[in-house]
Amino acid sequence: MQFGLESLGQWTDPVETVVERDATQAYAAATNDPIAAHEDGVQAPPIFAVVPVWGTMSTAMMGVVPPDALAFVVHGEQDMRFHRPITPGMTLSSRAAPVGVHVKPNGTTVVVKVESRDAADDGLVVEQYVTTFYRGVSGGDGAGEEAPDHKLTAAVKAGDPVATVEQMIDEDQTFRYADASGDRMPIHLDAEFATKVGLPGIIIHGLCTMAFTSWAAITAVAHGDPTRLRRLAVRFSRPVLPGQTIVTTFWDAGTAGASRVFGYETRTAEGDVVIKDGLVEVSD
């Protein structure tokens, strides 16, 4: 099954979105975010940056993915770079381009780059690298860029943790998150459908879990200041279920320019790794 390599590097037309305060506050509430600037609608939660770009990102992805492969897709990785806060009233101009297709023995990954700019001055607000994985689809050729590295090394994990944050996922979390994010895939809302496709039941959206770790990171390693967040990157390992408790552990990983770097990993209380190769950068 050949992916459309001819579309690599082709940007979508920019799409403008006005950021509404109610929408940013709804996203904060749907992810149990306690950061005051997010609750009050002064600044959007960091993972809210995915909400205005869903259509643009999907258009870019569809440029390379064969229709027959779509049934086998899972969200593999998300890497977000924050250049300035998203604030209510801002008009975001967003575009996306598929930048890499990589064939592996057990499937194929597609990397899409997304840019969101402030329409007022064309200043870069958020960059995102979205990696999707197509299970068992391993024919054809690959080309283009790999997603940027954010591996949590054994050397970093060998150090003493600098912080550990425990968070409870609510039983109704997926329904609230679906309303706030617009992601209404049935595996998050319909238990019967979820079990038919081999899941233990309704599962939490991966980006909802990432949003939980974003406010854990702001609280634990950015002294509660969301304006210090520069990068957040994760690899999704396995799903979280409603009602579970997740525990995120942070390790000091040194510096990158003017930023302090931390590696992290998120497990359920039962010990299952749900996010691996987590990385967070905060301004020093």
Protein backbone atom coordinates (compact mmCIF):
# COMPACT_ATOMS: atom_id res chain seq x y z
CA MET A 1 0.00 0.00 0.00
CA GLN A 2 1.85 3.08 -1.25
CA PHE A 3 1.53 6.38 0.62
CA GLY A 4 1.45 9.60 -1.42
CA LEU A 5 5.07 10.74 -1.26
CA GLU A 6 4.44 13.37 -3.93
CA SER A 7 2.46 15.39 -1.36
CA LEU A 8 5.32 15.68 1.12
CA GLY A 9 6.21 19.29 1.86
CA GLN A 10 3.01 20.70 0.37
CA TRP A 11 1.39 23.17 2.77
CA THR A 12 -2.36 23.56 3.07
CA ASP A 13 -3.91 26.97 2.59
CA PRO A 14 -3.94 28.93 5.86
CA VAL A 15 -7.15 28.78 7.91
CA GLU A 16 -8.00 31.56 10.36
CA THR A 17 -9.65 30.93 13.72
CA VAL A 18 -10.65 33.49 16.35
CA VAL A 19 -9.84 32.22 19.84
CA GLU A 20 -12.89 32.50 22.10
CA ARG A 21 -12.53 32.83 25.87
CA ASP A 22 -15.41 30.42 26.52
CA ALA A 23 -13.71 27.77 24.39
CA THR A 24 -10.39 28.03 26.23
CA GLN A 25 -12.11 27.88 29.62
CA ALA A 26 -14.17 24.88 28.49
CA TYR A 27 -10.97 23.09 27.48
CA ALA A 28 -9.42 23.82 30.88
CA ALA A 29 -12.52 22.52 32.68
CA ALA A 30 -12.62 19.39 30.49
CA THR A 31 -9.05 18.51 31.49
CA ASN A 32 -9.39 19.39 35.21
CA ASP A 33 -6.78 22.11 34.71
CA PRO A 34 -6.28 24.10 37.94
CA ILE A 35 -3.90 26.74 36.53
CA ALA A 36 -5.50 30.12 37.39
CA ALA A 37 -4.70 31.77 34.03
CA HIS A 38 -6.43 28.86 32.25
CA GLU A 39 -9.47 28.74 34.53
CA ASP A 40 -9.95 32.50 34.28
CA GLY A 41 -9.62 32.58 30.49
CA VAL A 42 -6.53 34.81 30.51
CA GLN A 43 -4.49 32.28 28.53
CA ALA A 44 -5.46 29.09 26.69
CA PRO A 45 -4.21 25.79 28.12
CA PRO A 46 -1.22 24.65 26.02
CA ILE A 47 -2.85 21.57 24.48
CA PHE A 48 -5.82 23.72 23.40
CA ALA A 49 -3.55 24.53 20.43
CA VAL A 50 -4.76 21.30 18.78
CA VAL A 51 -8.38 22.47 18.67
CA PRO A 52 -8.11 25.16 15.94
CA VAL A 53 -5.96 22.96 13.66
CA TRP A 54 -7.89 19.67 13.46
CA GLY A 55 -9.30 20.33 10.01
CA THR A 56 -6.05 21.69 8.59
CA MET A 57 -4.04 18.82 10.04
CA SER A 58 -6.48 16.23 8.69
CA THR A 59 -6.35 17.78 5.22
CA ALA A 60 -2.55 17.52 5.19
CA MET A 61 -2.65 13.93 6.41
CA MET A 62 -5.19 12.86 3.83
CA GLY A 63 -2.80 14.07 1.14
CA VAL A 64 -0.52 11.11 1.80
CA VAL A 65 -2.57 8.39 3.51
CA PRO A 66 -4.38 5.81 1.30
CA PRO A 67 -8.06 5.51 2.27
CA ASP A 68 -7.68 1.77 2.96
CA ALA A 69 -5.08 2.53 5.65
CA LEU A 70 -7.32 4.79 7.75
CA ALA A 71 -8.94 1.93 9.67
CA PHE A 72 -5.55 1.03 11.15
CA VAL A 73 -4.52 4.46 12.46
CA VAL A 74 -3.41 5.25 16.01
CA HIS A 75 -2.00 8.50 17.40
CA GLY A 76 1.68 7.79 17.95
CA GLU A 77 3.36 11.01 19.09
CA GLN A 78 2.69 14.70 19.67
CA ASP A 79 5.41 17.35 19.89
CA MET A 80 4.42 20.97 20.56
CA ARG A 81 6.66 24.09 20.59
CA PHE A 82 5.23 27.21 22.26
CA HIS A 83 6.59 30.54 21.01
CA ARG A 84 3.95 32.81 22.59
CA PRO A 85 0.78 32.16 24.59
CA ILE A 86 -2.58 31.70 22.87
CA THR A 87 -4.91 34.32 24.33
CA PRO A 88 -8.65 34.98 23.85
CA GLY A 89 -9.32 37.44 21.03
CA MET A 90 -6.26 36.33 19.08
CA THR A 91 -6.83 35.28 15.46
CA LEU A 92 -4.74 32.24 14.61
CA SER A 93 -3.71 31.54 11.03
CA SER A 94 -2.83 27.84 10.75
CA ARG A 95 -1.43 25.65 8.00
CA ALA A 96 -0.07 22.09 7.84
CA ALA A 97 2.11 19.92 5.63
CA PRO A 98 2.95 16.20 5.61
CA VAL A 99 6.74 16.05 5.98
CA GLY A 100 7.60 12.38 6.38
CA VAL A 101 6.45 8.83 5.61
CA HIS A 102 8.46 6.02 7.20
CA VAL A 103 7.83 2.34 6.51
CA LYS A 104 8.62 -0.04 9.39
CA PRO A 105 8.27 -3.83 9.74
CA ASN A 106 5.06 -3.50 11.78
CA GLY A 107 3.48 -0.49 10.11
CA THR A 108 4.00 2.99 8.66
CA THR A 109 4.32 6.36 10.37
CA VAL A 110 3.24 9.69 8.88
CA VAL A 111 4.64 12.95 10.25
CA VAL A 112 2.66 16.19 9.78
CA LYS A 113 3.99 19.61 10.73
CA VAL A 114 1.51 22.30 11.78
CA GLU A 115 2.16 26.01 12.22
CA SER A 116 -0.15 28.51 13.92
CA ARG A 117 0.64 32.23 13.63
CA ASP A 118 -0.86 35.38 15.05
CA ALA A 119 -2.73 36.89 12.10
CA ALA A 120 -2.09 40.37 13.51
CA ASP A 121 1.67 40.29 12.91
CA ASP A 122 2.42 36.84 11.39
CA GLY A 123 4.39 35.94 14.52
CA LEU A 124 4.80 32.22 15.18
CA VAL A 125 2.63 31.07 18.11
CA VAL A 126 2.77 27.25 18.16
CA GLU A 127 4.52 24.59 16.06
CA GLN A 128 3.35 20.99 16.23
CA TYR A 129 4.66 17.69 14.91
CA VAL A 130 1.90 15.07 14.79
CA THR A 131 2.91 11.45 14.19
CA THR A 132 0.27 8.87 13.30
CA PHE A 133 0.97 5.15 13.01
CA TYR A 134 -0.81 2.75 10.63
CA ARG A 135 -0.67 -0.71 12.18
CA GLY A 136 0.33 -3.54 9.86
CA VAL A 137 0.53 -1.28 6.79
CA SER A 138 4.15 -1.83 5.80
CA GLY A 139 4.31 -1.97 2.00
CA GLY A 140 5.60 0.71 -0.36
CA ASP A 141 8.33 3.31 -0.03
CA GLY A 142 8.99 6.05 2.50
CA ALA A 143 10.68 9.44 2.37
CA GLY A 144 11.03 12.77 4.13
CA GLU A 145 11.72 13.94 7.68
CA GLU A 146 11.59 12.00 10.92
CA ALA A 147 9.78 13.65 13.82
CA PRO A 148 12.16 15.49 16.18
CA ASP A 149 13.70 13.29 18.86
CA HIS A 150 12.46 13.44 22.46
CA LYS A 151 13.54 10.06 23.83
CA LEU A 152 13.72 9.65 27.60
CA THR A 153 17.10 8.00 28.04
CA ALA A 154 18.12 5.48 30.67
CA ALA A 155 20.77 7.92 31.87
CA VAL A 156 18.15 10.58 32.67
CA LYS A 157 15.86 8.04 34.39
CA ALA A 158 18.78 6.85 36.50
CA GLY A 159 18.72 10.17 38.37
CA ASP A 160 16.46 10.93 41.29
CA PRO A 161 13.03 12.26 40.22
CA VAL A 162 12.54 15.99 40.73
CA ALA A 163 8.76 15.71 41.05
CA THR A 164 5.89 13.23 40.97
CA VAL A 165 2.29 14.28 40.28
CA GLU A 166 -0.75 12.05 40.87
CA GLN A 167 -4.00 12.85 39.03
CA MET A 168 -7.45 11.27 39.00
CA ILE A 169 -9.29 10.77 35.70
CA ASP A 170 -13.04 11.27 36.12
CA GLU A 171 -15.62 8.73 34.98
CA ASP A 172 -17.21 11.31 32.63
CA GLN A 173 -13.89 12.73 31.37
CA THR A 174 -14.25 11.56 27.76
CA PHE A 175 -17.70 13.12 27.36
CA ARG A 176 -16.55 16.49 28.70
CA TYR A 177 -13.38 16.38 26.62
CA ALA A 178 -15.30 15.48 23.45
CA ASP A 179 -17.50 18.56 23.86
CA ALA A 180 -14.54 20.89 24.50
CA SER A 181 -12.21 19.49 21.84
CA GLY A 182 -14.60 18.44 19.08
CA ASP A 183 -13.09 14.91 19.03
CA ARG A 184 -16.14 12.63 19.16
CA MET A 185 -14.60 9.37 17.96
CA PRO A 186 -16.82 6.51 19.22
CA ILE A 187 -14.01 4.69 21.04
CA HIS A 188 -14.17 7.54 23.57
CA LEU A 189 -17.95 7.70 23.90
CA ASP A 190 -19.54 4.36 23.00
CA ALA A 191 -18.58 1.39 25.20
CA GLU A 192 -20.21 -1.15 22.90
CA PHE A 193 -18.30 0.16 19.89
CA ALA A 194 -15.03 0.28 21.85
CA THR A 195 -15.30 -3.37 22.92
CA LYS A 196 -16.17 -4.44 19.37
CA VAL A 197 -12.84 -3.05 18.14
CA GLY A 198 -10.91 -4.88 20.86
CA LEU A 199 -10.67 -2.25 23.59
CA PRO A 200 -11.60 -2.92 27.24
CA GLY A 201 -14.23 -0.17 27.01
CA ILE A 202 -14.30 3.59 26.52
CA ILE A 203 -10.77 4.99 26.55
CA ILE A 204 -9.52 8.48 27.38
CA HIS A 205 -8.43 10.64 24.43
CA GLY A 206 -4.65 10.60 24.14
CA LEU A 207 -4.52 14.38 23.93
CA CYS A 208 -6.66 14.61 27.06
CA THR A 209 -4.04 12.55 28.89
CA MET A 210 -1.35 14.81 27.43
CA ALA A 211 -3.28 17.85 28.66
CA PHE A 212 -3.26 16.41 32.18
CA THR A 213 0.53 16.02 31.98
CA SER A 214 0.85 19.60 30.68
CA TRP A 215 -0.66 21.11 33.82
CA ALA A 216 1.27 18.62 35.93
CA ALA A 217 4.45 19.92 34.28
CA ILE A 218 3.51 23.58 34.75
CA THR A 219 2.76 22.91 38.42
CA ALA A 220 5.82 20.72 39.10
CA VAL A 221 8.68 22.22 37.08
CA ALA A 222 7.52 25.69 35.90
CA HIS A 223 6.53 27.05 39.33
CA GLY A 224 2.91 27.28 38.19
CA ASP A 225 3.71 29.79 35.41
CA PRO A 226 2.29 28.63 32.02
CA THR A 227 4.13 31.40 30.14
CA ARG A 228 7.39 29.54 30.85
CA LEU A 229 6.38 26.44 28.88
CA ARG A 230 8.38 26.13 25.65
CA ARG A 231 7.96 22.54 24.50
CA LEU A 232 5.94 19.46 25.41
CA ALA A 233 6.42 16.16 23.59
CA VAL A 234 5.05 12.67 24.23
CA ARG A 235 4.83 9.19 22.81
CA PHE A 236 1.52 7.49 23.51
CA SER A 237 2.06 3.97 24.83
CA ARG A 238 -1.34 2.61 25.86
CA PRO A 239 -4.76 4.07 26.69
CA VAL A 240 -6.05 5.34 30.03
CA LEU A 241 -9.49 4.28 31.22
CA PRO A 242 -12.11 6.45 32.94
CA GLY A 243 -11.74 6.36 36.71
CA GLN A 244 -8.04 5.50 36.67
CA THR A 245 -5.33 7.42 38.50
CA ILE A 246 -2.24 8.47 36.56
CA VAL A 247 1.16 9.24 38.06
CA THR A 248 3.67 11.41 36.17
CA THR A 249 7.34 11.38 37.18
CA PHE A 250 9.78 14.10 36.08
CA TRP A 251 13.58 13.89 35.84
CA ASP A 252 16.12 16.66 35.26
CA ALA A 253 17.53 16.36 31.72
CA GLY A 254 19.79 19.44 31.68
CA THR A 255 19.43 22.52 29.50
CA ALA A 256 18.71 23.46 25.88
CA GLY A 257 19.69 27.03 25.16
CA ALA A 258 17.81 29.22 27.61
CA SER A 259 15.43 26.42 28.63
CA ARG A 260 15.52 23.87 31.39
CA VAL A 261 14.72 20.36 30.13
CA PHE A 262 12.92 17.56 31.97
CA GLY A 263 12.13 14.05 30.85
CA TYR A 264 8.95 12.40 32.08
CA GLU A 265 6.89 9.24 32.05
CA THR A 266 3.26 8.66 32.98
CA ARG A 267 1.90 5.43 34.43
CA THR A 268 -1.42 4.29 35.80
CA ALA A 269 -1.60 3.53 39.50
CA GLU A 270 -1.48 -0.12 38.43
CA GLY A 271 1.94 0.47 36.86
CA ASP A 272 1.11 0.49 33.13
CA VAL A 273 3.10 3.04 31.11
CA VAL A 274 0.65 5.26 29.18
CA ILE A 275 3.03 8.03 28.08
CA LYS A 276 6.68 7.35 27.42
CA ASP A 277 9.51 9.53 26.12
CA GLY A 278 7.88 12.62 27.62
CA LEU A 279 9.85 15.84 27.38
CA VAL A 280 9.12 19.30 28.73
CA GLU A 281 11.15 22.48 28.30
CA VAL A 282 10.58 25.58 30.42
CA SER A 283 12.30 28.95 30.19
CA ASP A 284 15.07 29.06 32.77
